[in-house]
N, C-alpha and C. Protein backbone atom coordinates (compact mmCIF):
# COMPACT_ATOMS: atom_id res chain seq x y z
N MET A 1 152.96 214.55 20.06
CA MET A 1 153.08 214.42 21.49
C MET A 1 153.25 212.94 21.87
N GLU A 2 153.05 212.07 20.91
CA GLU A 2 153.13 210.65 21.18
C GLU A 2 154.53 210.23 21.61
N ASN A 3 155.56 210.86 21.06
CA ASN A 3 156.93 210.50 21.39
C ASN A 3 157.52 211.34 22.50
N ALA A 4 156.72 212.25 23.06
CA ALA A 4 157.20 213.11 24.13
C ALA A 4 157.37 212.28 25.40
N PRO A 5 158.40 212.57 26.18
CA PRO A 5 158.58 211.83 27.42
C PRO A 5 157.42 212.13 28.38
N GLU A 6 157.03 211.14 29.15
CA GLU A 6 155.95 211.32 30.11
C GLU A 6 156.46 212.15 31.28
N VAL A 7 155.94 213.35 31.41
CA VAL A 7 156.32 214.24 32.49
C VAL A 7 155.11 214.35 33.40
N PRO A 8 155.28 214.04 34.68
CA PRO A 8 154.13 214.15 35.56
C PRO A 8 153.68 215.60 35.66
N PRO A 9 152.38 215.82 35.63
CA PRO A 9 151.89 217.19 35.71
C PRO A 9 152.13 217.79 37.09
N THR A 10 152.28 219.08 37.13
CA THR A 10 152.43 219.78 38.41
C THR A 10 151.04 219.97 39.00
N PRO A 11 150.78 219.39 40.15
CA PRO A 11 149.44 219.52 40.73
C PRO A 11 149.23 220.90 41.30
N PRO A 12 147.98 221.33 41.37
CA PRO A 12 147.69 222.61 42.02
C PRO A 12 148.15 222.57 43.48
N ALA A 13 148.60 223.69 43.99
CA ALA A 13 149.15 223.74 45.34
C ALA A 13 148.08 223.54 46.42
N ASP A 14 146.91 224.08 46.21
CA ASP A 14 145.83 223.97 47.20
C ASP A 14 145.24 222.55 47.15
N PRO A 15 145.19 221.84 48.28
CA PRO A 15 144.68 220.47 48.28
C PRO A 15 143.24 220.34 47.76
N ARG A 16 142.41 221.35 48.05
CA ARG A 16 141.03 221.29 47.54
C ARG A 16 141.00 221.48 46.04
N HIS A 17 141.87 222.32 45.52
CA HIS A 17 141.95 222.50 44.07
C HIS A 17 142.42 221.20 43.40
N LEU A 18 143.37 220.54 44.04
CA LEU A 18 143.86 219.26 43.51
C LEU A 18 142.74 218.23 43.49
N ARG A 19 142.02 218.10 44.59
CA ARG A 19 140.91 217.14 44.67
C ARG A 19 139.87 217.46 43.60
N PHE A 20 139.54 218.74 43.46
CA PHE A 20 138.60 219.18 42.44
C PHE A 20 139.09 218.77 41.05
N ALA A 21 140.35 219.05 40.76
CA ALA A 21 140.91 218.75 39.43
C ALA A 21 140.87 217.25 39.15
N LEU A 22 141.19 216.43 40.15
CA LEU A 22 141.16 214.99 39.96
C LEU A 22 139.74 214.49 39.68
N LEU A 23 138.77 215.04 40.38
CA LEU A 23 137.38 214.65 40.16
C LEU A 23 136.89 215.07 38.77
N VAL A 24 137.24 216.27 38.37
CA VAL A 24 136.84 216.75 37.04
C VAL A 24 137.54 215.93 35.96
N ALA A 25 138.80 215.60 36.18
CA ALA A 25 139.55 214.79 35.22
C ALA A 25 138.91 213.41 35.08
N ALA A 26 138.24 212.94 36.14
CA ALA A 26 137.55 211.66 36.12
C ALA A 26 136.11 211.83 35.62
N TYR A 27 135.80 213.00 35.05
CA TYR A 27 134.51 213.30 34.42
C TYR A 27 133.35 213.42 35.40
N GLU A 28 133.63 213.85 36.63
CA GLU A 28 132.56 214.24 37.54
C GLU A 28 132.10 215.63 37.09
N SER A 29 130.89 216.00 37.45
CA SER A 29 130.41 217.33 37.07
C SER A 29 131.18 218.39 37.86
N LEU A 30 131.17 219.60 37.35
CA LEU A 30 131.89 220.69 38.03
C LEU A 30 131.31 220.95 39.40
N ALA A 31 129.97 220.97 39.51
CA ALA A 31 129.33 221.26 40.79
C ALA A 31 129.62 220.16 41.81
N GLU A 32 129.47 218.91 41.40
CA GLU A 32 129.75 217.80 42.31
C GLU A 32 131.22 217.80 42.73
N SER A 33 132.09 218.01 41.77
CA SER A 33 133.53 218.04 42.06
C SER A 33 133.85 219.15 43.06
N TYR A 34 133.24 220.28 42.87
CA TYR A 34 133.50 221.43 43.75
C TYR A 34 133.07 221.10 45.17
N GLN A 35 131.88 220.52 45.32
CA GLN A 35 131.39 220.19 46.65
C GLN A 35 132.18 219.03 47.27
N LYS A 36 132.50 218.00 46.47
CA LYS A 36 133.26 216.86 46.99
C LYS A 36 134.68 217.26 47.38
N ALA A 37 135.19 218.33 46.78
CA ALA A 37 136.54 218.79 47.11
C ALA A 37 136.59 219.48 48.47
N GLY A 38 135.43 219.71 49.06
CA GLY A 38 135.41 220.29 50.41
C GLY A 38 134.88 221.70 50.49
N PHE A 39 134.39 222.24 49.40
CA PHE A 39 133.82 223.58 49.43
C PHE A 39 132.35 223.46 49.84
N LYS A 40 131.95 224.21 50.84
CA LYS A 40 130.58 224.16 51.36
C LYS A 40 129.77 225.30 50.76
N CYS A 41 128.80 224.93 49.93
CA CYS A 41 127.94 225.93 49.31
C CYS A 41 126.75 225.22 48.66
N SER A 42 125.82 226.01 48.13
CA SER A 42 124.66 225.43 47.45
C SER A 42 125.11 224.86 46.10
N ARG A 43 124.25 224.05 45.53
CA ARG A 43 124.57 223.44 44.23
C ARG A 43 124.75 224.50 43.15
N ALA A 44 123.90 225.52 43.16
CA ALA A 44 124.01 226.60 42.16
C ALA A 44 125.34 227.34 42.29
N THR A 45 125.72 227.63 43.52
CA THR A 45 126.99 228.31 43.74
C THR A 45 128.15 227.40 43.36
N ALA A 46 128.02 226.11 43.67
CA ALA A 46 129.07 225.15 43.32
C ALA A 46 129.26 225.08 41.81
N TYR A 47 128.16 225.17 41.07
CA TYR A 47 128.26 225.14 39.60
C TYR A 47 129.05 226.35 39.10
N VAL A 48 128.71 227.52 39.60
CA VAL A 48 129.38 228.75 39.15
C VAL A 48 130.85 228.74 39.59
N ASN A 49 131.09 228.43 40.86
CA ASN A 49 132.47 228.44 41.36
C ASN A 49 133.29 227.31 40.77
N GLY A 50 132.66 226.16 40.52
CA GLY A 50 133.36 225.06 39.88
C GLY A 50 133.82 225.43 38.49
N HIS A 51 132.95 226.11 37.76
CA HIS A 51 133.32 226.56 36.42
C HIS A 51 134.48 227.55 36.50
N ARG A 52 134.39 228.46 37.44
CA ARG A 52 135.44 229.47 37.61
C ARG A 52 136.77 228.79 37.98
N LEU A 53 136.72 227.83 38.90
CA LEU A 53 137.93 227.14 39.34
C LEU A 53 138.53 226.30 38.20
N SER A 54 137.66 225.71 37.39
CA SER A 54 138.16 224.86 36.29
C SER A 54 138.91 225.67 35.24
N ARG A 55 138.71 226.98 35.23
CA ARG A 55 139.38 227.84 34.25
C ARG A 55 140.69 228.44 34.77
N LYS A 56 140.98 228.23 36.05
CA LYS A 56 142.27 228.72 36.56
C LYS A 56 143.37 227.97 35.82
N PRO A 57 144.42 228.66 35.39
CA PRO A 57 145.45 228.02 34.56
C PRO A 57 146.06 226.75 35.14
N ASP A 58 146.43 226.77 36.42
CA ASP A 58 147.06 225.57 36.99
C ASP A 58 146.09 224.41 37.09
N VAL A 59 144.84 224.69 37.42
CA VAL A 59 143.82 223.64 37.53
C VAL A 59 143.46 223.11 36.14
N ALA A 60 143.25 224.03 35.20
CA ALA A 60 142.88 223.63 33.84
C ALA A 60 143.98 222.77 33.20
N GLN A 61 145.23 223.15 33.40
CA GLN A 61 146.35 222.40 32.84
C GLN A 61 146.43 221.01 33.45
N TYR A 62 146.22 220.94 34.76
CA TYR A 62 146.28 219.65 35.44
C TYR A 62 145.16 218.73 34.95
N ILE A 63 143.97 219.25 34.81
CA ILE A 63 142.83 218.46 34.31
C ILE A 63 143.14 217.95 32.91
N ALA A 64 143.60 218.83 32.04
CA ALA A 64 143.90 218.44 30.66
C ALA A 64 144.99 217.38 30.60
N THR A 65 146.03 217.54 31.41
CA THR A 65 147.13 216.58 31.41
C THR A 65 146.67 215.22 31.92
N MET A 66 145.90 215.22 33.01
CA MET A 66 145.42 213.95 33.57
C MET A 66 144.49 213.24 32.58
N ARG A 67 143.65 213.98 31.89
CA ARG A 67 142.77 213.36 30.89
C ARG A 67 143.58 212.81 29.72
N HIS A 68 144.62 213.53 29.34
CA HIS A 68 145.47 213.05 28.24
C HIS A 68 146.19 211.77 28.63
N LEU A 69 146.72 211.73 29.86
CA LEU A 69 147.39 210.52 30.33
C LEU A 69 146.44 209.34 30.37
N GLU A 70 145.22 209.58 30.81
CA GLU A 70 144.20 208.51 30.84
C GLU A 70 143.89 208.04 29.43
N TYR A 71 143.78 208.99 28.50
CA TYR A 71 143.51 208.64 27.10
C TYR A 71 144.64 207.79 26.54
N GLU A 72 145.87 208.19 26.79
CA GLU A 72 147.02 207.44 26.28
C GLU A 72 147.07 206.03 26.88
N GLU A 73 146.75 205.93 28.16
CA GLU A 73 146.75 204.62 28.83
C GLU A 73 145.69 203.71 28.20
N ARG A 74 144.51 204.24 27.95
CA ARG A 74 143.44 203.45 27.34
C ARG A 74 143.79 203.08 25.90
N ARG A 75 144.39 204.02 25.19
CA ARG A 75 144.77 203.76 23.80
C ARG A 75 145.80 202.64 23.74
N HIS A 76 146.76 202.67 24.66
CA HIS A 76 147.78 201.64 24.71
C HIS A 76 147.15 200.28 25.03
N ALA A 77 146.24 200.25 25.99
CA ALA A 77 145.57 199.00 26.36
C ALA A 77 144.76 198.47 25.18
N TYR A 78 144.11 199.37 24.44
CA TYR A 78 143.33 198.95 23.28
C TYR A 78 144.24 198.34 22.21
N LYS A 79 145.38 198.99 21.96
CA LYS A 79 146.32 198.46 20.97
C LYS A 79 146.82 197.08 21.37
N GLU A 80 147.12 196.91 22.66
CA GLU A 80 147.60 195.62 23.15
C GLU A 80 146.52 194.55 23.00
N SER A 81 145.27 194.90 23.28
CA SER A 81 144.20 193.91 23.14
C SER A 81 143.99 193.57 21.66
N CYS A 82 144.16 194.54 20.78
CA CYS A 82 144.05 194.27 19.34
C CYS A 82 145.16 193.32 18.89
N ARG A 83 146.36 193.53 19.40
CA ARG A 83 147.47 192.64 19.06
C ARG A 83 147.18 191.22 19.54
N ALA A 84 146.66 191.09 20.74
CA ALA A 84 146.34 189.77 21.29
C ALA A 84 145.25 189.10 20.46
N CYS A 85 144.24 189.86 20.06
CA CYS A 85 143.16 189.30 19.23
C CYS A 85 143.69 188.90 17.87
N ASP A 86 144.53 189.73 17.29
CA ASP A 86 145.10 189.40 15.99
C ASP A 86 145.92 188.11 16.06
N ALA A 87 146.68 187.95 17.14
CA ALA A 87 147.48 186.73 17.31
C ALA A 87 146.57 185.51 17.47
N LEU A 88 145.49 185.67 18.21
CA LEU A 88 144.55 184.57 18.41
C LEU A 88 143.87 184.20 17.10
N VAL A 89 143.45 185.20 16.34
CA VAL A 89 142.81 184.94 15.05
C VAL A 89 143.79 184.23 14.12
N ALA A 90 145.03 184.70 14.10
CA ALA A 90 146.04 184.08 13.23
C ALA A 90 146.28 182.63 13.64
N ALA A 91 146.36 182.37 14.93
CA ALA A 91 146.58 181.00 15.41
C ALA A 91 145.40 180.10 15.04
N ASN A 92 144.18 180.61 15.22
CA ASN A 92 143.00 179.83 14.88
C ASN A 92 142.91 179.60 13.37
N ARG A 93 143.29 180.61 12.62
CA ARG A 93 143.27 180.47 11.16
C ARG A 93 144.26 179.38 10.74
N GLU A 94 145.46 179.40 11.31
CA GLU A 94 146.48 178.40 10.99
C GLU A 94 146.00 177.01 11.40
N ALA A 95 145.39 176.90 12.58
CA ALA A 95 144.88 175.60 13.03
C ALA A 95 143.78 175.11 12.08
N GLY A 96 142.96 176.04 11.59
CA GLY A 96 141.91 175.67 10.64
C GLY A 96 142.48 175.19 9.33
N PHE A 97 143.52 175.86 8.86
CA PHE A 97 144.16 175.41 7.62
C PHE A 97 144.78 174.03 7.79
N GLN A 98 145.42 173.82 8.95
CA GLN A 98 146.01 172.51 9.21
C GLN A 98 144.93 171.43 9.26
N ALA A 99 143.80 171.73 9.87
CA ALA A 99 142.70 170.77 9.96
C ALA A 99 142.14 170.47 8.57
N MET A 100 142.05 171.48 7.72
CA MET A 100 141.54 171.27 6.38
C MET A 100 142.48 170.37 5.58
N LEU A 101 143.76 170.46 5.88
CA LEU A 101 144.75 169.64 5.18
C LEU A 101 144.89 168.26 5.82
N GLY A 102 144.15 168.01 6.90
CA GLY A 102 144.19 166.73 7.57
C GLY A 102 145.38 166.57 8.49
N ARG A 103 146.00 167.68 8.86
CA ARG A 103 147.14 167.61 9.75
C ARG A 103 146.72 168.15 11.13
N THR A 104 147.38 167.69 12.13
CA THR A 104 147.17 168.24 13.46
C THR A 104 148.51 168.71 13.99
N SER A 105 148.46 169.77 14.76
CA SER A 105 149.72 170.29 15.33
C SER A 105 149.79 169.90 16.79
N ARG A 106 150.56 168.85 17.06
CA ARG A 106 150.70 168.38 18.45
C ARG A 106 152.14 168.43 18.85
């Protein structure tokens, strides 16, 4: 899937379902996400209904896709930071070798 083109996920049609999916994708709890999405109910009911809503195919697919995109974005950022660190280490290593040889790079 790494070489697959980035296709934006199709969001759920219901705005409350979309808000719920975005909150769950951001790792909010199901009950909190359900209530923050605008559903008025007790916490116990929100937990049950949040679980039920998270299993709807369009909502579940959207959550999974958004989490995958976030994962890929973080993975890319991590790789870039590793490259920057490797370049810095290599530059410092070279400067150290030059210093050991009594040379300076100016």
